[in-house]
């Protein structure tokens, strides 16, 4: 057999991401990525140990597109919203990768840089100590959950239509909510939900936005 060509982590991550985008997260295997690269499965093991390492490379490739420089602006709320929106935009083209960001976020250098910037903004807002821990976790939880809902269970989807069609006598509030939800855009849902979270953080600072 010919000697396997030298590969970079970026090339391997790109191939793995191509498999996920085309076939879904469940299709990510060493064999599938090796095939995408035009090589045998055993040859790929020269570069990565297992699927878990592949997942980490994919997460870093996606989150590596996120601008982690501190945004400008007088309002810490606006700066936090900007940081959250940056991640949302980066993963918009790769929604199948979202679950991986939860399990690999602590090993992604790009995510760590993003979190460092967010922590800096929270500190400037007067949120520190344990409150800062909870605030960061809350932002991450909202971000991951909201993106999953947006792409894997959108308000414009069949689930919402099914809820709207529930018998009003048995589920009056659910049926009404389903009908109203159909009019809400993805941007409205995401930003309004984020505003609720930021309202809570603002309350924790005593109401100061600057």
C-alpha atoms as a PDB file:
ATOM      1  CA  UNK A   1       0.000   0.000   0.000  1.00  0.00           C
ATOM      2  CA  UNK A   2       1.172   3.564  -0.611  1.00  0.00           C
ATOM      3  CA  UNK A   3       2.388   5.453   2.432  1.00  0.00           C
ATOM      4  CA  UNK A   4      -0.433   7.590   3.929  1.00  0.00           C
ATOM      5  CA  UNK A   5      -0.059  11.272   3.125  1.00  0.00           C
ATOM      6  CA  UNK A   6       0.565  13.694   5.950  1.00  0.00           C
ATOM      7  CA  UNK A   7      -2.608  15.282   7.321  1.00  0.00           C
ATOM      8  CA  UNK A   8      -3.196  18.293   9.513  1.00  0.00           C
ATOM      9  CA  UNK A   9      -5.746  18.441  12.324  1.00  0.00           C
ATOM     10  CA  UNK A  10      -7.580  21.062  10.292  1.00  0.00           C
ATOM     11  CA  UNK A  11      -7.975  18.681   7.338  1.00  0.00           C
ATOM     12  CA  UNK A  12      -9.211  15.887   9.594  1.00  0.00           C
ATOM     13  CA  UNK A  13     -11.664  18.217  11.343  1.00  0.00           C
ATOM     14  CA  UNK A  14     -12.965  19.466   7.992  1.00  0.00           C
ATOM     15  CA  UNK A  15     -13.568  15.910   6.813  1.00  0.00           C
ATOM     16  CA  UNK A  16     -15.325  14.948  10.044  1.00  0.00           C
ATOM     17  CA  UNK A  17     -17.502  18.051   9.865  1.00  0.00           C
ATOM     18  CA  UNK A  18     -18.399  17.255   6.256  1.00  0.00           C
ATOM     19  CA  UNK A  19     -19.617  13.811   7.350  1.00  0.00           C
ATOM     20  CA  UNK A  20     -21.722  15.324  10.146  1.00  0.00           C
ATOM     21  CA  UNK A  21     -23.226  18.031   7.941  1.00  0.00           C
ATOM     22  CA  UNK A  22     -24.148  15.530   5.247  1.00  0.00           C
ATOM     23  CA  UNK A  23     -25.238  12.497   7.266  1.00  0.00           C
ATOM     24  CA  UNK A  24     -25.819  13.635  10.847  1.00  0.00           C
ATOM     25  CA  UNK A  25     -23.886  13.295  14.083  1.00  0.00           C
ATOM     26  CA  UNK A  26     -24.611   9.583  14.446  1.00  0.00           C
ATOM     27  CA  UNK A  27     -22.711   8.948  11.194  1.00  0.00           C
ATOM     28  CA  UNK A  28     -19.440  10.226  12.650  1.00  0.00           C
ATOM     29  CA  UNK A  29     -17.095   7.230  12.791  1.00  0.00           C
ATOM     30  CA  UNK A  30     -13.417   6.664  12.174  1.00  0.00           C
ATOM     31  CA  UNK A  31     -14.338   4.661   9.077  1.00  0.00           C
ATOM     32  CA  UNK A  32     -16.561   7.400   7.657  1.00  0.00           C
ATOM     33  CA  UNK A  33     -13.954  10.103   8.176  1.00  0.00           C
ATOM     34  CA  UNK A  34     -11.214   7.933   6.696  1.00  0.00           C
ATOM     35  CA  UNK A  35     -13.378   7.361   3.628  1.00  0.00           C
ATOM     36  CA  UNK A  36     -13.985  11.118   3.363  1.00  0.00           C
ATOM     37  CA  UNK A  37     -10.219  11.603   3.377  1.00  0.00           C
ATOM     38  CA  UNK A  38      -9.650   8.855   0.812  1.00  0.00           C
ATOM     39  CA  UNK A  39      -7.657   6.610   3.130  1.00  0.00           C
ATOM     40  CA  UNK A  40      -8.029   3.381   5.085  1.00  0.00           C
ATOM     41  CA  UNK A  41      -9.443   3.426   8.593  1.00  0.00           C
ATOM     42  CA  UNK A  42      -6.230   2.156  10.158  1.00  0.00           C
ATOM     43  CA  UNK A  43      -4.297   4.959   8.477  1.00  0.00           C
ATOM     44  CA  UNK A  44      -6.482   7.512  10.230  1.00  0.00           C
ATOM     45  CA  UNK A  45      -5.508   6.024  13.570  1.00  0.00           C
ATOM     46  CA  UNK A  46      -2.016   7.377  12.900  1.00  0.00           C
ATOM     47  CA  UNK A  47      -3.473  10.835  13.543  1.00  0.00           C
ATOM     48  CA  UNK A  48      -6.385  10.456  15.992  1.00  0.00           C
ATOM     49  CA  UNK A  49      -7.088   7.892  18.692  1.00  0.00           C
ATOM     50  CA  UNK A  50     -10.865   7.545  18.503  1.00  0.00           C
ATOM     51  CA  UNK A  51     -14.209   9.202  17.830  1.00  0.00           C
ATOM     52  CA  UNK A  52     -13.960  11.280  20.985  1.00  0.00           C
ATOM     53  CA  UNK A  53     -10.836  12.974  19.684  1.00  0.00           C
ATOM     54  CA  UNK A  54     -12.571  13.523  16.330  1.00  0.00           C
ATOM     55  CA  UNK A  55     -15.424  15.216  18.150  1.00  0.00           C
ATOM     56  CA  UNK A  56     -13.019  17.554  19.898  1.00  0.00           C
ATOM     57  CA  UNK A  57     -11.418  18.534  16.593  1.00  0.00           C
ATOM     58  CA  UNK A  58     -14.844  19.239  15.097  1.00  0.00           C
ATOM     59  CA  UNK A  59     -15.900  21.423  18.016  1.00  0.00           C
ATOM     60  CA  UNK A  60     -12.697  23.414  17.812  1.00  0.00           C
ATOM     61  CA  UNK A  61     -13.134  23.903  14.067  1.00  0.00           C
ATOM     62  CA  UNK A  62     -16.657  25.270  14.515  1.00  0.00           C
ATOM     63  CA  UNK A  63     -15.942  27.403  17.578  1.00  0.00           C
ATOM     64  CA  UNK A  64     -12.660  28.573  16.087  1.00  0.00           C
ATOM     65  CA  UNK A  65     -14.744  30.822  13.836  1.00  0.00           C
ATOM     66  CA  UNK A  66     -16.079  32.723  16.864  1.00  0.00           C
ATOM     67  CA  UNK A  67     -14.592  36.165  17.436  1.00  0.00           C
ATOM     68  CA  UNK A  68     -13.485  36.178  21.074  1.00  0.00           C
ATOM     69  CA  UNK A  69     -12.194  39.747  21.232  1.00  0.00           C
ATOM     70  CA  UNK A  70     -14.141  41.868  23.752  1.00  0.00           C
ATOM     71  CA  UNK A  71     -16.866  43.836  21.966  1.00  0.00           C
ATOM     72  CA  UNK A  72     -17.134  47.579  22.437  1.00  0.00           C
ATOM     73  CA  UNK A  73     -20.098  49.446  23.858  1.00  0.00           C
ATOM     74  CA  UNK A  74     -21.133  51.104  27.112  1.00  0.00           C
ATOM     75  CA  UNK A  75     -23.689  48.457  28.132  1.00  0.00           C
ATOM     76  CA  UNK A  76     -22.473  45.166  29.573  1.00  0.00           C
ATOM     77  CA  UNK A  77     -25.796  43.616  28.552  1.00  0.00           C
ATOM     78  CA  UNK A  78     -25.168  44.495  24.924  1.00  0.00           C
ATOM     79  CA  UNK A  79     -21.616  43.162  25.130  1.00  0.00           C
ATOM     80  CA  UNK A  80     -22.804  39.862  26.578  1.00  0.00           C
ATOM     81  CA  UNK A  81     -25.520  39.609  23.924  1.00  0.00           C
ATOM     82  CA  UNK A  82     -22.894  40.171  21.241  1.00  0.00           C
ATOM     83  CA  UNK A  83     -20.730  37.349  22.602  1.00  0.00           C
ATOM     84  CA  UNK A  84     -23.690  34.965  22.694  1.00  0.00           C
ATOM     85  CA  UNK A  85     -24.807  35.910  19.181  1.00  0.00           C
ATOM     86  CA  UNK A  86     -21.302  35.243  17.853  1.00  0.00           C
ATOM     87  CA  UNK A  87     -21.524  31.616  18.943  1.00  0.00           C
ATOM     88  CA  UNK A  88     -25.045  31.306  17.570  1.00  0.00           C
ATOM     89  CA  UNK A  89     -23.901  32.510  14.147  1.00  0.00           C
ATOM     90  CA  UNK A  90     -20.866  30.210  14.116  1.00  0.00           C
ATOM     91  CA  UNK A  91     -22.867  27.056  14.728  1.00  0.00           C
ATOM     92  CA  UNK A  92     -25.874  28.018  12.595  1.00  0.00           C
ATOM     93  CA  UNK A  93     -24.506  26.108   9.610  1.00  0.00           C
ATOM     94  CA  UNK A  94     -23.653  23.052  11.731  1.00  0.00           C
ATOM     95  CA  UNK A  95     -26.570  22.444  14.142  1.00  0.00           C
ATOM     96  CA  UNK A  96     -25.757  18.735  14.474  1.00  0.00           C
ATOM     97  CA  UNK A  97     -22.551  19.746  16.260  1.00  0.00           C
ATOM     98  CA  UNK A  98     -24.381  21.559  19.075  1.00  0.00           C
ATOM     99  CA  UNK A  99     -24.554  18.532  21.444  1.00  0.00           C
ATOM    100  CA  UNK A 100     -20.791  18.129  21.130  1.00  0.00           C
ATOM    101  CA  UNK A 101     -20.189  21.660  22.377  1.00  0.00           C
ATOM    102  CA  UNK A 102     -21.533  20.631  25.781  1.00  0.00           C
ATOM    103  CA  UNK A 103     -19.201  17.682  26.230  1.00  0.00           C
ATOM    104  CA  UNK A 104     -16.093  19.208  24.620  1.00  0.00           C
ATOM    105  CA  UNK A 105     -16.367  22.867  25.563  1.00  0.00           C
ATOM    106  CA  UNK A 106     -13.757  22.619  28.330  1.00  0.00           C
ATOM    107  CA  UNK A 107     -11.135  21.184  25.974  1.00  0.00           C
ATOM    108  CA  UNK A 108     -11.719  23.697  23.173  1.00  0.00           C
ATOM    109  CA  UNK A 109      -9.169  26.552  23.263  1.00  0.00           C
ATOM    110  CA  UNK A 110     -11.562  28.769  21.300  1.00  0.00           C
ATOM    111  CA  UNK A 111     -14.387  28.157  23.764  1.00  0.00           C
ATOM    112  CA  UNK A 112     -12.076  28.850  26.695  1.00  0.00           C
ATOM    113  CA  UNK A 113     -11.105  32.178  25.140  1.00  0.00           C
ATOM    114  CA  UNK A 114     -14.798  32.982  24.600  1.00  0.00           C
ATOM    115  CA  UNK A 115     -15.584  32.145  28.227  1.00  0.00           C
ATOM    116  CA  UNK A 116     -12.659  34.267  29.437  1.00  0.00           C
ATOM    117  CA  UNK A 117     -14.062  37.271  27.572  1.00  0.00           C
ATOM    118  CA  UNK A 118     -17.562  36.645  28.941  1.00  0.00           C
ATOM    119  CA  UNK A 119     -16.188  36.373  32.479  1.00  0.00           C
ATOM    120  CA  UNK A 120     -14.413  39.685  31.986  1.00  0.00           C
ATOM    121  CA  UNK A 121     -17.682  41.365  30.991  1.00  0.00           C
ATOM    122  CA  UNK A 122     -19.483  39.849  33.983  1.00  0.00           C
ATOM    123  CA  UNK A 123     -16.708  41.062  36.287  1.00  0.00           C
ATOM    124  CA  UNK A 124     -16.968  44.584  34.891  1.00  0.00           C
ATOM    125  CA  UNK A 125     -20.723  44.425  35.556  1.00  0.00           C
ATOM    126  CA  UNK A 126     -20.048  43.703  39.234  1.00  0.00           C
ATOM    127  CA  UNK A 127     -20.919  40.006  39.046  1.00  0.00           C
ATOM    128  CA  UNK A 128     -18.204  37.989  40.750  1.00  0.00           C
ATOM    129  CA  UNK A 129     -17.582  35.017  43.014  1.00  0.00           C
ATOM    130  CA  UNK A 130     -20.221  32.290  42.986  1.00  0.00           C
ATOM    131  CA  UNK A 131     -22.683  34.568  41.192  1.00  0.00           C
ATOM    132  CA  UNK A 132     -20.255  34.799  38.291  1.00  0.00           C
ATOM    133  CA  UNK A 133     -19.968  30.997  38.135  1.00  0.00           C
ATOM    134  CA  UNK A 134     -23.751  30.656  37.976  1.00  0.00           C
ATOM    135  CA  UNK A 135     -24.062  33.505  35.464  1.00  0.00           C
ATOM    136  CA  UNK A 136     -21.562  31.894  33.085  1.00  0.00           C
ATOM    137  CA  UNK A 137     -23.216  28.497  33.406  1.00  0.00           C
ATOM    138  CA  UNK A 138     -26.608  30.067  32.848  1.00  0.00           C
ATOM    139  CA  UNK A 139     -25.456  31.772  29.654  1.00  0.00           C
ATOM    140  CA  UNK A 140     -23.909  28.546  28.362  1.00  0.00           C
ATOM    141  CA  UNK A 141     -27.015  26.531  29.234  1.00  0.00           C
ATOM    142  CA  UNK A 142     -29.278  29.010  27.484  1.00  0.00           C
ATOM    143  CA  UNK A 143     -27.040  29.213  24.435  1.00  0.00           C
ATOM    144  CA  UNK A 144     -26.743  25.456  23.904  1.00  0.00           C
ATOM    145  CA  UNK A 145     -30.398  24.763  24.659  1.00  0.00           C
ATOM    146  CA  UNK A 146     -31.729  27.614  22.534  1.00  0.00           C
ATOM    147  CA  UNK A 147     -29.623  26.657  19.515  1.00  0.00           C
ATOM    148  CA  UNK A 148     -30.755  23.039  19.777  1.00  0.00           C
ATOM    149  CA  UNK A 149     -34.393  24.134  19.899  1.00  0.00           C
ATOM    150  CA  UNK A 150     -33.923  26.538  17.013  1.00  0.00           C
ATOM    151  CA  UNK A 151     -32.482  23.930  14.666  1.00  0.00           C
ATOM    152  CA  UNK A 152     -33.789  20.598  15.960  1.00  0.00           C
ATOM    153  CA  UNK A 153     -37.236  21.648  17.234  1.00  0.00           C
ATOM    154  CA  UNK A 154     -38.105  25.028  15.700  1.00  0.00           C
ATOM    155  CA  UNK A 155     -41.302  26.914  16.443  1.00  0.00           C
ATOM    156  CA  UNK A 156     -42.080  26.755  12.734  1.00  0.00           C
ATOM    157  CA  UNK A 157     -41.965  22.942  12.822  1.00  0.00           C
ATOM    158  CA  UNK A 158     -44.534  20.169  12.984  1.00  0.00           C
ATOM    159  CA  UNK A 159     -44.376  20.019  16.774  1.00  0.00           C
ATOM    160  CA  UNK A 160     -45.790  23.505  17.117  1.00  0.00           C
ATOM    161  CA  UNK A 161     -48.532  22.768  14.608  1.00  0.00           C
ATOM    162  CA  UNK A 162     -49.445  19.661  16.585  1.00  0.00           C
ATOM    163  CA  UNK A 163     -49.671  21.643  19.822  1.00  0.00           C
ATOM    164  CA  UNK A 164     -51.837  24.284  18.140  1.00  0.00           C
ATOM    165  CA  UNK A 165     -54.218  21.525  17.039  1.00  0.00           C
ATOM    166  CA  UNK A 166     -54.703  20.099  20.542  1.00  0.00           C
ATOM    167  CA  UNK A 167     -58.309  20.017  21.760  1.00  0.00           C
ATOM    168  CA  UNK A 168     -58.935  23.390  23.383  1.00  0.00           C
ATOM    169  CA  UNK A 169     -61.250  21.845  25.966  1.00  0.00           C
ATOM    170  CA  UNK A 170     -58.442  19.711  27.401  1.00  0.00           C
ATOM    171  CA  UNK A 171     -55.370  21.854  26.656  1.00  0.00           C
ATOM    172  CA  UNK A 172     -56.600  25.437  26.320  1.00  0.00           C
ATOM    173  CA  UNK A 173     -53.328  27.130  27.203  1.00  0.00           C
ATOM    174  CA  UNK A 174     -51.152  24.757  25.218  1.00  0.00           C
ATOM    175  CA  UNK A 175     -53.324  25.144  22.126  1.00  0.00           C
ATOM    176  CA  UNK A 176     -53.276  28.925  22.403  1.00  0.00           C
ATOM    177  CA  UNK A 177     -49.529  28.931  22.988  1.00  0.00           C
ATOM    178  CA  UNK A 178     -49.001  26.760  19.910  1.00  0.00           C
ATOM    179  CA  UNK A 179     -51.005  29.158  17.751  1.00  0.00           C
ATOM    180  CA  UNK A 180     -49.091  32.165  19.048  1.00  0.00           C
ATOM    181  CA  UNK A 181     -45.726  30.394  18.767  1.00  0.00           C
ATOM    182  CA  UNK A 182     -46.214  29.904  15.040  1.00  0.00           C
ATOM    183  CA  UNK A 183     -45.915  33.683  14.607  1.00  0.00           C
ATOM    184  CA  UNK A 184     -42.633  33.989  16.505  1.00  0.00           C
ATOM    185  CA  UNK A 185     -39.453  34.086  14.406  1.00  0.00           C
ATOM    186  CA  UNK A 186     -36.251  32.303  15.406  1.00  0.00           C
ATOM    187  CA  UNK A 187     -34.520  35.638  16.019  1.00  0.00           C
ATOM    188  CA  UNK A 188     -37.375  36.853  18.216  1.00  0.00           C
ATOM    189  CA  UNK A 189     -37.363  33.665  20.241  1.00  0.00           C
ATOM    190  CA  UNK A 190     -33.613  33.649  20.768  1.00  0.00           C
ATOM    191  CA  UNK A 191     -33.197  37.324  21.614  1.00  0.00           C
ATOM    192  CA  UNK A 192     -36.272  37.595  23.815  1.00  0.00           C
ATOM    193  CA  UNK A 193     -35.197  34.530  25.785  1.00  0.00           C
ATOM    194  CA  UNK A 194     -31.711  35.959  26.178  1.00  0.00           C
ATOM    195  CA  UNK A 195     -33.223  39.243  27.365  1.00  0.00           C
ATOM    196  CA  UNK A 196     -35.061  37.390  30.150  1.00  0.00           C
ATOM    197  CA  UNK A 197     -31.766  35.895  31.323  1.00  0.00           C
ATOM    198  CA  UNK A 198     -29.982  39.236  31.112  1.00  0.00           C
ATOM    199  CA  UNK A 199     -32.813  40.868  33.081  1.00  0.00           C
ATOM    200  CA  UNK A 200     -32.051  38.443  35.884  1.00  0.00           C
ATOM    201  CA  UNK A 201     -28.344  39.232  35.761  1.00  0.00           C
ATOM    202  CA  UNK A 202     -29.083  42.957  35.739  1.00  0.00           C
ATOM    203  CA  UNK A 203     -31.274  42.561  38.809  1.00  0.00           C
ATOM    204  CA  UNK A 204     -28.378  40.815  40.527  1.00  0.00           C
ATOM    205  CA  UNK A 205     -26.197  43.877  39.928  1.00  0.00           C
ATOM    206  CA  UNK A 206     -28.721  46.259  41.369  1.00  0.00           C
ATOM    207  CA  UNK A 207     -30.125  47.356  38.035  1.00  0.00           C
ATOM    208  CA  UNK A 208     -27.029  49.068  36.607  1.00  0.00           C
ATOM    209  CA  UNK A 209     -26.532  48.466  32.853  1.00  0.00           C
ATOM    210  CA  UNK A 210     -23.248  50.343  32.488  1.00  0.00           C
END
